[in-house]
Structure formats: C-alpha cells, structure tokens
Full PDB file with SEQRES, HELIX, SHEET, SSBOND, CRYST1, ORIGX, SCALE, CONECT and MASTER records, all heavy atoms in Angstrom:
SEQRES   1 A   36  THR ALA LEU PRO LEU LEU SER GLY ARG PRO ILE GLU LEU          
SEQRES   2 A   36  GLY GLY ARG ARG PHE PHE ASP ALA GLY ILE ALA GLU SER          
SEQRES   3 A   36  ILE PRO TYR ARG THR ALA ALA ALA GLN GLY                      
HELIX    1 AA1 ALA A   21  ILE A   23  5                                   3    
HELIX    2 AA2 TYR A   29  ALA A   34  1                                   6    
SHEET    1 AA1 2 ILE A  11  LEU A  13  0                                        
SHEET    2 AA1 2 ARG A  16  PHE A  18 -1                                        
CRYST1    1.000    1.000    1.000  90.00  90.00  90.00 P 1           1          
ORIGX1      1.000000  0.000000  0.000000        0.00000                         
ORIGX2      0.000000  1.000000  0.000000        0.00000                         
ORIGX3      0.000000  0.000000  1.000000        0.00000                         
SCALE1      1.000000  0.000000  0.000000        0.00000                         
SCALE2      0.000000  1.000000  0.000000        0.00000                         
SCALE3      0.000000  0.000000  1.000000        0.00000                         
ATOM      1  N   THR A   1      -0.679  15.304   0.903  1.00  0.00           N  
ATOM      2  CA  THR A   1      -1.006  16.586   1.545  1.00  0.00           C  
ATOM      3  C   THR A   1      -2.157  16.468   2.542  1.00  0.00           C  
ATOM      4  O   THR A   1      -2.740  17.486   2.932  1.00  0.00           O  
ATOM      5  CB  THR A   1      -1.384  17.629   0.471  1.00  0.00           C  
ATOM      6  OG1 THR A   1      -2.495  17.126  -0.305  1.00  0.00           O  
ATOM      7  CG2 THR A   1      -0.226  17.896  -0.470  1.00  0.00           C  
ATOM      8  N   ALA A   2      -2.465  15.253   2.992  1.00  0.00           N  
ATOM      9  CA  ALA A   2      -3.618  15.013   3.871  1.00  0.00           C  
ATOM     10  C   ALA A   2      -3.276  15.377   5.315  1.00  0.00           C  
ATOM     11  O   ALA A   2      -2.893  14.524   6.127  1.00  0.00           O  
ATOM     12  CB  ALA A   2      -4.066  13.557   3.779  1.00  0.00           C  
ATOM     13  N   LEU A   3      -3.437  16.633   5.659  1.00  0.00           N  
ATOM     14  CA  LEU A   3      -3.123  17.111   7.002  1.00  0.00           C  
ATOM     15  C   LEU A   3      -4.063  16.494   8.037  1.00  0.00           C  
ATOM     16  O   LEU A   3      -5.285  16.455   7.816  1.00  0.00           O  
ATOM     17  CB  LEU A   3      -3.237  18.632   7.057  1.00  0.00           C  
ATOM     18  CG  LEU A   3      -2.248  19.429   6.208  1.00  0.00           C  
ATOM     19  CD1 LEU A   3      -2.663  20.892   6.153  1.00  0.00           C  
ATOM     20  CD2 LEU A   3      -0.836  19.288   6.744  1.00  0.00           C  
ATOM     21  N   PRO A   4      -3.532  16.022   9.150  1.00  0.00           N  
ATOM     22  CA  PRO A   4      -4.396  15.435  10.189  1.00  0.00           C  
ATOM     23  C   PRO A   4      -5.451  16.432  10.654  1.00  0.00           C  
ATOM     24  O   PRO A   4      -5.152  17.596  10.888  1.00  0.00           O  
ATOM     25  CB  PRO A   4      -3.406  15.111  11.322  1.00  0.00           C  
ATOM     26  CG  PRO A   4      -2.087  14.991  10.651  1.00  0.00           C  
ATOM     27  CD  PRO A   4      -2.099  15.980   9.520  1.00  0.00           C  
ATOM     28  N   LEU A   5      -6.683  15.970  10.766  1.00  0.00           N  
ATOM     29  CA  LEU A   5      -7.849  16.747  11.188  1.00  0.00           C  
ATOM     30  C   LEU A   5      -8.252  17.792  10.153  1.00  0.00           C  
ATOM     31  O   LEU A   5      -9.418  17.838   9.738  1.00  0.00           O  
ATOM     32  CB  LEU A   5      -7.596  17.431  12.542  1.00  0.00           C  
ATOM     33  CG  LEU A   5      -7.420  16.470  13.736  1.00  0.00           C  
ATOM     34  CD1 LEU A   5      -7.146  17.262  15.005  1.00  0.00           C  
ATOM     35  CD2 LEU A   5      -8.659  15.607  13.927  1.00  0.00           C  
ATOM     36  N   LEU A   6      -7.332  18.654   9.711  1.00  0.00           N  
ATOM     37  CA  LEU A   6      -7.680  19.720   8.787  1.00  0.00           C  
ATOM     38  C   LEU A   6      -8.177  19.193   7.445  1.00  0.00           C  
ATOM     39  O   LEU A   6      -9.042  19.801   6.815  1.00  0.00           O  
ATOM     40  CB  LEU A   6      -6.484  20.653   8.558  1.00  0.00           C  
ATOM     41  CG  LEU A   6      -6.036  21.492   9.752  1.00  0.00           C  
ATOM     42  CD1 LEU A   6      -4.795  22.301   9.384  1.00  0.00           C  
ATOM     43  CD2 LEU A   6      -7.144  22.412  10.223  1.00  0.00           C  
ATOM     44  N   SER A   7      -7.619  18.062   7.003  1.00  0.00           N  
ATOM     45  CA  SER A   7      -8.009  17.504   5.707  1.00  0.00           C  
ATOM     46  C   SER A   7      -8.995  16.345   5.826  1.00  0.00           C  
ATOM     47  O   SER A   7      -9.295  15.684   4.836  1.00  0.00           O  
ATOM     48  CB  SER A   7      -6.761  17.035   4.936  1.00  0.00           C  
ATOM     49  OG  SER A   7      -5.914  18.109   4.634  1.00  0.00           O  
ATOM     50  N   GLY A   8      -9.461  16.094   7.017  1.00  0.00           N  
ATOM     51  CA  GLY A   8     -10.410  15.007   7.201  1.00  0.00           C  
ATOM     52  C   GLY A   8      -9.733  13.654   7.323  1.00  0.00           C  
ATOM     53  O   GLY A   8      -8.605  13.547   7.827  1.00  0.00           O  
ATOM     54  N   ARG A   9     -10.389  12.622   6.864  1.00  0.00           N  
ATOM     55  CA  ARG A   9      -9.890  11.261   7.008  1.00  0.00           C  
ATOM     56  C   ARG A   9      -8.687  11.008   6.100  1.00  0.00           C  
ATOM     57  O   ARG A   9      -8.488  11.730   5.112  1.00  0.00           O  
ATOM     58  CB  ARG A   9     -11.010  10.271   6.671  1.00  0.00           C  
ATOM     59  CG  ARG A   9     -12.173  10.327   7.648  1.00  0.00           C  
ATOM     60  CD  ARG A   9     -13.251   9.333   7.262  1.00  0.00           C  
ATOM     61  NE  ARG A   9     -14.355   9.359   8.219  1.00  0.00           N  
ATOM     62  CZ  ARG A   9     -15.443   8.599   8.114  1.00  0.00           C  
ATOM     63  NH1 ARG A   9     -15.560   7.757   7.091  1.00  0.00           N  
ATOM     64  NH2 ARG A   9     -16.392   8.688   9.012  1.00  0.00           N  
ATOM     65  N   PRO A  10      -7.896   9.984   6.414  1.00  0.00           N  
ATOM     66  CA  PRO A  10      -6.760   9.646   5.538  1.00  0.00           C  
ATOM     67  C   PRO A  10      -7.263   9.231   4.165  1.00  0.00           C  
ATOM     68  O   PRO A  10      -8.412   8.822   3.991  1.00  0.00           O  
ATOM     69  CB  PRO A  10      -6.086   8.485   6.270  1.00  0.00           C  
ATOM     70  CG  PRO A  10      -7.166   7.890   7.129  1.00  0.00           C  
ATOM     71  CD  PRO A  10      -8.010   9.044   7.557  1.00  0.00           C  
ATOM     72  N   ILE A  11      -6.380   9.326   3.196  1.00  0.00           N  
ATOM     73  CA  ILE A  11      -6.718   8.969   1.819  1.00  0.00           C  
ATOM     74  C   ILE A  11      -6.401   7.505   1.569  1.00  0.00           C  
ATOM     75  O   ILE A  11      -5.307   7.027   1.907  1.00  0.00           O  
ATOM     76  CB  ILE A  11      -5.937   9.852   0.822  1.00  0.00           C  
ATOM     77  CG1 ILE A  11      -6.241  11.330   1.073  1.00  0.00           C  
ATOM     78  CG2 ILE A  11      -6.260   9.467  -0.610  1.00  0.00           C  
ATOM     79  CD1 ILE A  11      -7.701  11.708   0.923  1.00  0.00           C  
ATOM     80  N   GLU A  12      -7.354   6.791   0.996  1.00  0.00           N  
ATOM     81  CA  GLU A  12      -7.146   5.385   0.699  1.00  0.00           C  
ATOM     82  C   GLU A  12      -6.575   5.220  -0.703  1.00  0.00           C  
ATOM     83  O   GLU A  12      -7.097   5.788  -1.666  1.00  0.00           O  
ATOM     84  CB  GLU A  12      -8.466   4.614   0.829  1.00  0.00           C  
ATOM     85  CG  GLU A  12      -9.000   4.592   2.256  1.00  0.00           C  
ATOM     86  CD  GLU A  12     -10.172   3.649   2.424  1.00  0.00           C  
ATOM     87  OE1 GLU A  12     -10.415   2.822   1.511  1.00  0.00           O  
ATOM     88  OE2 GLU A  12     -10.834   3.721   3.472  1.00  0.00           O  
ATOM     89  N   LEU A  13      -5.520   4.436  -0.804  1.00  0.00           N  
ATOM     90  CA  LEU A  13      -4.859   4.196  -2.079  1.00  0.00           C  
ATOM     91  C   LEU A  13      -4.174   2.841  -2.013  1.00  0.00           C  
ATOM     92  O   LEU A  13      -3.419   2.571  -1.080  1.00  0.00           O  
ATOM     93  CB  LEU A  13      -3.833   5.303  -2.355  1.00  0.00           C  
ATOM     94  CG  LEU A  13      -3.070   5.246  -3.681  1.00  0.00           C  
ATOM     95  CD1 LEU A  13      -4.023   5.340  -4.872  1.00  0.00           C  
ATOM     96  CD2 LEU A  13      -2.044   6.382  -3.746  1.00  0.00           C  
ATOM     97  N   GLY A  14      -4.468   1.985  -2.972  1.00  0.00           N  
ATOM     98  CA  GLY A  14      -3.852   0.668  -3.011  1.00  0.00           C  
ATOM     99  C   GLY A  14      -4.166  -0.196  -1.812  1.00  0.00           C  
ATOM    100  O   GLY A  14      -3.339  -1.012  -1.395  1.00  0.00           O  
ATOM    101  N   GLY A  15      -5.352  -0.005  -1.238  1.00  0.00           N  
ATOM    102  CA  GLY A  15      -5.749  -0.800  -0.093  1.00  0.00           C  
ATOM    103  C   GLY A  15      -5.129  -0.354   1.221  1.00  0.00           C  
ATOM    104  O   GLY A  15      -5.265  -1.046   2.241  1.00  0.00           O  
ATOM    105  N   ARG A  16      -4.463   0.795   1.229  1.00  0.00           N  
ATOM    106  CA  ARG A  16      -3.854   1.339   2.445  1.00  0.00           C  
ATOM    107  C   ARG A  16      -4.350   2.765   2.655  1.00  0.00           C  
ATOM    108  O   ARG A  16      -4.934   3.372   1.761  1.00  0.00           O  
ATOM    109  CB  ARG A  16      -2.321   1.304   2.325  1.00  0.00           C  
ATOM    110  CG  ARG A  16      -1.767  -0.099   2.138  1.00  0.00           C  
ATOM    111  CD  ARG A  16      -0.357  -0.102   1.596  1.00  0.00           C  
ATOM    112  NE  ARG A  16       0.611   0.385   2.567  1.00  0.00           N  
ATOM    113  CZ  ARG A  16       1.924   0.489   2.308  1.00  0.00           C  
ATOM    114  NH1 ARG A  16       2.388   0.142   1.111  1.00  0.00           N  
ATOM    115  NH2 ARG A  16       2.755   0.919   3.234  1.00  0.00           N  
ATOM    116  N   ARG A  17      -4.138   3.277   3.861  1.00  0.00           N  
ATOM    117  CA  ARG A  17      -4.574   4.631   4.186  1.00  0.00           C  
ATOM    118  C   ARG A  17      -3.360   5.493   4.498  1.00  0.00           C  
ATOM    119  O   ARG A  17      -2.423   5.057   5.178  1.00  0.00           O  
ATOM    120  CB  ARG A  17      -5.526   4.613   5.386  1.00  0.00           C  
ATOM    121  CG  ARG A  17      -6.839   3.882   5.086  1.00  0.00           C  
ATOM    122  CD  ARG A  17      -7.801   3.908   6.254  1.00  0.00           C  
ATOM    123  NE  ARG A  17      -7.289   3.186   7.412  1.00  0.00           N  
ATOM    124  CZ  ARG A  17      -7.948   3.029   8.550  1.00  0.00           C  
ATOM    125  NH1 ARG A  17      -9.160   3.579   8.680  1.00  0.00           N  
ATOM    126  NH2 ARG A  17      -7.440   2.352   9.540  1.00  0.00           N  
ATOM    127  N   PHE A  18      -3.410   6.751   4.007  1.00  0.00           N  
ATOM    128  CA  PHE A  18      -2.243   7.617   4.113  1.00  0.00           C  
ATOM    129  C   PHE A  18      -2.608   9.015   4.612  1.00  0.00           C  
ATOM    130  O   PHE A  18      -3.669   9.547   4.295  1.00  0.00           O  
ATOM    131  CB  PHE A  18      -1.561   7.754   2.747  1.00  0.00           C  
ATOM    132  CG  PHE A  18      -1.005   6.462   2.211  1.00  0.00           C  
ATOM    133  CD1 PHE A  18      -1.723   5.733   1.278  1.00  0.00           C  
ATOM    134  CD2 PHE A  18       0.223   5.976   2.648  1.00  0.00           C  
ATOM    135  CE1 PHE A  18      -1.225   4.540   0.769  1.00  0.00           C  
ATOM    136  CE2 PHE A  18       0.728   4.789   2.157  1.00  0.00           C  
ATOM    137  CZ  PHE A  18       0.017   4.069   1.219  1.00  0.00           C  
ATOM    138  N   PHE A  19      -1.673   9.568   5.390  1.00  0.00           N  
ATOM    139  CA  PHE A  19      -1.736  10.964   5.816  1.00  0.00           C  
ATOM    140  C   PHE A  19      -0.563  11.725   5.195  1.00  0.00           C  
ATOM    141  O   PHE A  19       0.302  11.144   4.526  1.00  0.00           O  
ATOM    142  CB  PHE A  19      -1.658  11.062   7.340  1.00  0.00           C  
ATOM    143  CG  PHE A  19      -2.960  10.841   8.050  1.00  0.00           C  
ATOM    144  CD1 PHE A  19      -3.201   9.662   8.742  1.00  0.00           C  
ATOM    145  CD2 PHE A  19      -3.950  11.812   8.044  1.00  0.00           C  
ATOM    146  CE1 PHE A  19      -4.398   9.450   9.416  1.00  0.00           C  
ATOM    147  CE2 PHE A  19      -5.156  11.615   8.705  1.00  0.00           C  
ATOM    148  CZ  PHE A  19      -5.372  10.433   9.401  1.00  0.00           C  
ATOM    149  N   ASP A  20      -0.527  13.002   5.475  1.00  0.00           N  
ATOM    150  CA  ASP A  20       0.491  13.928   4.984  1.00  0.00           C  
ATOM    151  C   ASP A  20       1.911  13.368   5.135  1.00  0.00           C  
ATOM    152  O   ASP A  20       2.276  12.835   6.180  1.00  0.00           O  
ATOM    153  CB  ASP A  20       0.368  15.238   5.775  1.00  0.00           C  
ATOM    154  CG  ASP A  20       1.257  16.326   5.242  1.00  0.00           C  
ATOM    155  OD1 ASP A  20       2.435  16.360   5.645  1.00  0.00           O  
ATOM    156  OD2 ASP A  20       0.781  17.144   4.444  1.00  0.00           O  
ATOM    157  N   ALA A  21       2.709  13.547   4.088  1.00  0.00           N  
ATOM    158  CA  ALA A  21       4.083  13.043   4.091  1.00  0.00           C  
ATOM    159  C   ALA A  21       4.910  13.643   5.228  1.00  0.00           C  
ATOM    160  O   ALA A  21       5.820  12.999   5.756  1.00  0.00           O  
ATOM    161  CB  ALA A  21       4.751  13.355   2.753  1.00  0.00           C  
ATOM    162  N   GLY A  22       4.596  14.893   5.595  1.00  0.00           N  
ATOM    163  CA  GLY A  22       5.407  15.585   6.590  1.00  0.00           C  
ATOM    164  C   GLY A  22       5.401  14.944   7.962  1.00  0.00           C  
ATOM    165  O   GLY A  22       6.285  15.234   8.773  1.00  0.00           O  
ATOM    166  N   ILE A  23       4.452  14.081   8.237  1.00  0.00           N  
ATOM    167  CA  ILE A  23       4.449  13.400   9.535  1.00  0.00           C  
ATOM    168  C   ILE A  23       5.681  12.524   9.665  1.00  0.00           C  
ATOM    169  O   ILE A  23       6.323  12.469  10.718  1.00  0.00           O  
ATOM    170  CB  ILE A  23       3.167  12.547   9.701  1.00  0.00           C  
ATOM    171  CG1 ILE A  23       1.936  13.445   9.732  1.00  0.00           C  
ATOM    172  CG2 ILE A  23       3.243  11.697  10.971  1.00  0.00           C  
ATOM    173  CD1 ILE A  23       0.624  12.672   9.734  1.00  0.00           C  
ATOM    174  N   ALA A  24       6.060  11.848   8.580  1.00  0.00           N  
ATOM    175  CA  ALA A  24       7.177  10.899   8.639  1.00  0.00           C  
ATOM    176  C   ALA A  24       8.430  11.393   7.930  1.00  0.00           C  
ATOM    177  O   ALA A  24       9.549  11.055   8.331  1.00  0.00           O  
ATOM    178  CB  ALA A  24       6.753   9.556   8.039  1.00  0.00           C  
ATOM    179  N   GLU A  25       8.281  12.207   6.868  1.00  0.00           N  
ATOM    180  CA  GLU A  25       9.464  12.624   6.094  1.00  0.00           C  
ATOM    181  C   GLU A  25       9.177  13.943   5.398  1.00  0.00           C  
ATOM    182  O   GLU A  25       8.771  13.981   4.240  1.00  0.00           O  
ATOM    183  CB  GLU A  25       9.851  11.540   5.078  1.00  0.00           C  
ATOM    184  CG  GLU A  25      11.186  11.798   4.401  1.00  0.00           C  
ATOM    185  CD  GLU A  25      11.633  10.678   3.486  1.00  0.00           C  
ATOM    186  OE1 GLU A  25      10.896   9.674   3.335  1.00  0.00           O  
ATOM    187  OE2 GLU A  25      12.739  10.791   2.903  1.00  0.00           O  
ATOM    188  N   SER A  26       9.435  15.040   6.108  1.00  0.00           N  
ATOM    189  CA  SER A  26       9.176  16.366   5.542  1.00  0.00           C  
ATOM    190  C   SER A  26      10.154  16.725   4.442  1.00  0.00           C  
ATOM    191  O   SER A  26       9.824  17.477   3.525  1.00  0.00           O  
ATOM    192  CB  SER A  26       9.249  17.430   6.647  1.00  0.00           C  
ATOM    193  OG  SER A  26       8.214  17.270   7.581  1.00  0.00           O  
ATOM    194  N   ILE A  27      11.384  16.233   4.575  1.00  0.00           N  
ATOM    195  CA  ILE A  27      12.426  16.497   3.576  1.00  0.00           C  
ATOM    196  C   ILE A  27      12.709  15.164   2.891  1.00  0.00           C  
ATOM    197  O   ILE A  27      13.376  14.293   3.468  1.00  0.00           O  
ATOM    198  CB  ILE A  27      13.702  17.048   4.227  1.00  0.00           C  
ATOM    199  CG1 ILE A  27      13.367  18.172   5.207  1.00  0.00           C  
ATOM    200  CG2 ILE A  27      14.671  17.551   3.170  1.00  0.00           C  
ATOM    201  CD1 ILE A  27      14.531  18.606   6.073  1.00  0.00           C  
ATOM    202  N   PRO A  28      12.231  14.938   1.695  1.00  0.00           N  
ATOM    203  CA  PRO A  28      12.201  13.584   1.126  1.00  0.00           C  
ATOM    204  C   PRO A  28      13.518  13.089   0.534  1.00  0.00           C  
ATOM    205  O   PRO A  28      13.522  12.368  -0.463  1.00  0.00           O  
ATOM    206  CB  PRO A  28      11.119  13.704   0.053  1.00  0.00           C  
ATOM    207  CG  PRO A  28      11.195  15.114  -0.402  1.00  0.00           C  
ATOM    208  CD  PRO A  28      11.518  15.911   0.837  1.00  0.00           C  
ATOM    209  N   TYR A  29      14.617  13.433   1.190  1.00  0.00           N  
ATOM    210  CA  TYR A  29      15.914  12.997   0.652  1.00  0.00           C  
ATOM    211  C   TYR A  29      16.272  11.587   1.110  1.00  0.00           C  
ATOM    212  O   TYR A  29      17.019  10.878   0.416  1.00  0.00           O  
ATOM    213  CB  TYR A  29      17.015  13.973   1.048  1.00  0.00           C  
ATOM    214  CG  TYR A  29      17.481  13.842   2.480  1.00  0.00           C  
ATOM    215  CD1 TYR A  29      18.647  13.146   2.788  1.00  0.00           C  
ATOM    216  CD2 TYR A  29      16.761  14.411   3.532  1.00  0.00           C  
ATOM    217  CE1 TYR A  29      19.070  13.013   4.105  1.00  0.00           C  
ATOM    218  CE2 TYR A  29      17.179  14.290   4.827  1.00  0.00           C  
ATOM    219  CZ  TYR A  29      18.340  13.590   5.112  1.00  0.00           C  
ATOM    220  OH  TYR A  29      18.754  13.443   6.417  1.00  0.00           O  
ATOM    221  N   ARG A  30      15.763  11.152   2.259  1.00  0.00           N  
ATOM    222  CA  ARG A  30      16.133   9.827   2.762  1.00  0.00           C  
ATOM    223  C   ARG A  30      15.569   8.726   1.848  1.00  0.00           C  
ATOM    224  O   ARG A  30      16.256   7.732   1.571  1.00  0.00           O  
ATOM    225  CB  ARG A  30      15.639   9.635   4.193  1.00  0.00           C  
ATOM    226  CG  ARG A  30      16.362  10.520   5.212  1.00  0.00           C  
ATOM    227  CD  ARG A  30      15.974  10.171   6.642  1.00  0.00           C  
ATOM    228  NE  ARG A  30      16.611  11.047   7.606  1.00  0.00           N  
ATOM    229  CZ  ARG A  30      17.829  10.863   8.110  1.00  0.00           C  
ATOM    230  NH1 ARG A  30      18.542   9.824   7.720  1.00  0.00           N  
ATOM    231  NH2 ARG A  30      18.334  11.710   8.994  1.00  0.00           N  
ATOM    232  N   THR A  31      14.353   8.904   1.392  1.00  0.00           N  
ATOM    233  CA  THR A  31      13.788   7.926   0.463  1.00  0.00           C  
ATOM    234  C   THR A  31      14.556   7.919  -0.847  1.00  0.00           C  
ATOM    235  O   THR A  31      14.819   6.856  -1.422  1.00  0.00           O  
ATOM    236  CB  THR A  31      12.299   8.220   0.213  1.00  0.00           C  
ATOM    237  OG1 THR A  31      11.568   8.033   1.431  1.00  0.00           O  
ATOM    238  CG2 THR A  31      11.727   7.304  -0.845  1.00  0.00           C  
ATOM    239  N   ALA A  32      14.925   9.112  -1.325  1.00  0.00           N  
ATOM    240  CA  ALA A  32      15.713   9.183  -2.567  1.00  0.00           C  
ATOM    241  C   ALA A  32      17.034   8.432  -2.414  1.00  0.00           C  
ATOM    242  O   ALA A  32      17.440   7.680  -3.313  1.00  0.00           O  
ATOM    243  CB  ALA A  32      15.966  10.641  -2.935  1.00  0.00           C  
ATOM    244  N   ALA A  33      17.695   8.616  -1.279  1.00  0.00           N  
ATOM    245  CA  ALA A  33      18.967   7.926  -1.041  1.00  0.00           C  
ATOM    246  C   ALA A  33      18.768   6.423  -0.942  1.00  0.00           C  
ATOM    247  O   ALA A  33      19.535   5.633  -1.506  1.00  0.00           O  
ATOM    248  CB  ALA A  33      19.614   8.466   0.231  1.00  0.00           C  
ATOM    249  N   ALA A  34      17.706   6.006  -0.244  1.00  0.00           N  
ATOM    250  CA  ALA A  34      17.445   4.577  -0.075  1.00  0.00           C  
ATOM    251  C   ALA A  34      17.145   3.899  -1.411  1.00  0.00           C  
ATOM    252  O   ALA A  34      17.383   2.697  -1.568  1.00  0.00           O  
ATOM    253  CB  ALA A  34      16.285   4.373   0.889  1.00  0.00           C  
ATOM    254  N   GLN A  35      16.630   4.677  -2.370  1.00  0.00           N  
ATOM    255  CA  GLN A  35      16.282   4.110  -3.675  1.00  0.00           C  
ATOM    256  C   GLN A  35      17.396   4.241  -4.702  1.00  0.00           C  
ATOM    257  O   GLN A  35      17.180   4.015  -5.892  1.00  0.00           O  
ATOM    258  CB  GLN A  35      14.995   4.744  -4.185  1.00  0.00           C  
ATOM    259  CG  GLN A  35      13.782   4.381  -3.334  1.00  0.00           C  
ATOM    260  CD  GLN A  35      12.475   4.915  -3.889  1.00  0.00           C  
ATOM    261  OE1 GLN A  35      12.432   5.639  -4.871  1.00  0.00           O  
ATOM    262  NE2 GLN A  35      11.373   4.558  -3.239  1.00  0.00           N  
ATOM    263  N   GLY A  36      18.588   4.587  -4.243  1.00  0.00           N  
ATOM    264  CA  GLY A  36      19.759   4.523  -5.113  1.00  0.00           C  
ATOM    265  C   GLY A  36      20.254   5.813  -5.708  1.00  0.00           C  
ATOM    266  O   GLY A  36      21.142   5.790  -6.579  1.00  0.00           O  
TER     267      GLY A  36                                                      
MASTER        0    0    0    2    2    0    0    6  266    1    0    3          
END                                                                             
C-alpha cells in the first residue's frame, strides 16, 4: 500500500524496496494464474 510520494519512501523487505502493488498489478489475477 506504499503510495508514491503520499506514503513516503518505498518499504524495504528482504533486501529489496517496494512501492504500491497498483503501479504494476492493480488486479492481482495475473500472478494467481502464473502460480498455477
């Protein structure tokens, strides 16, 4: 849920940095399909 600018800096997790899911996949069905 890390909205660009509004939520501040990206969140660090597992040595990587992340922003809001909606930037890349607002409707998370493609990942579900890719995972079987």
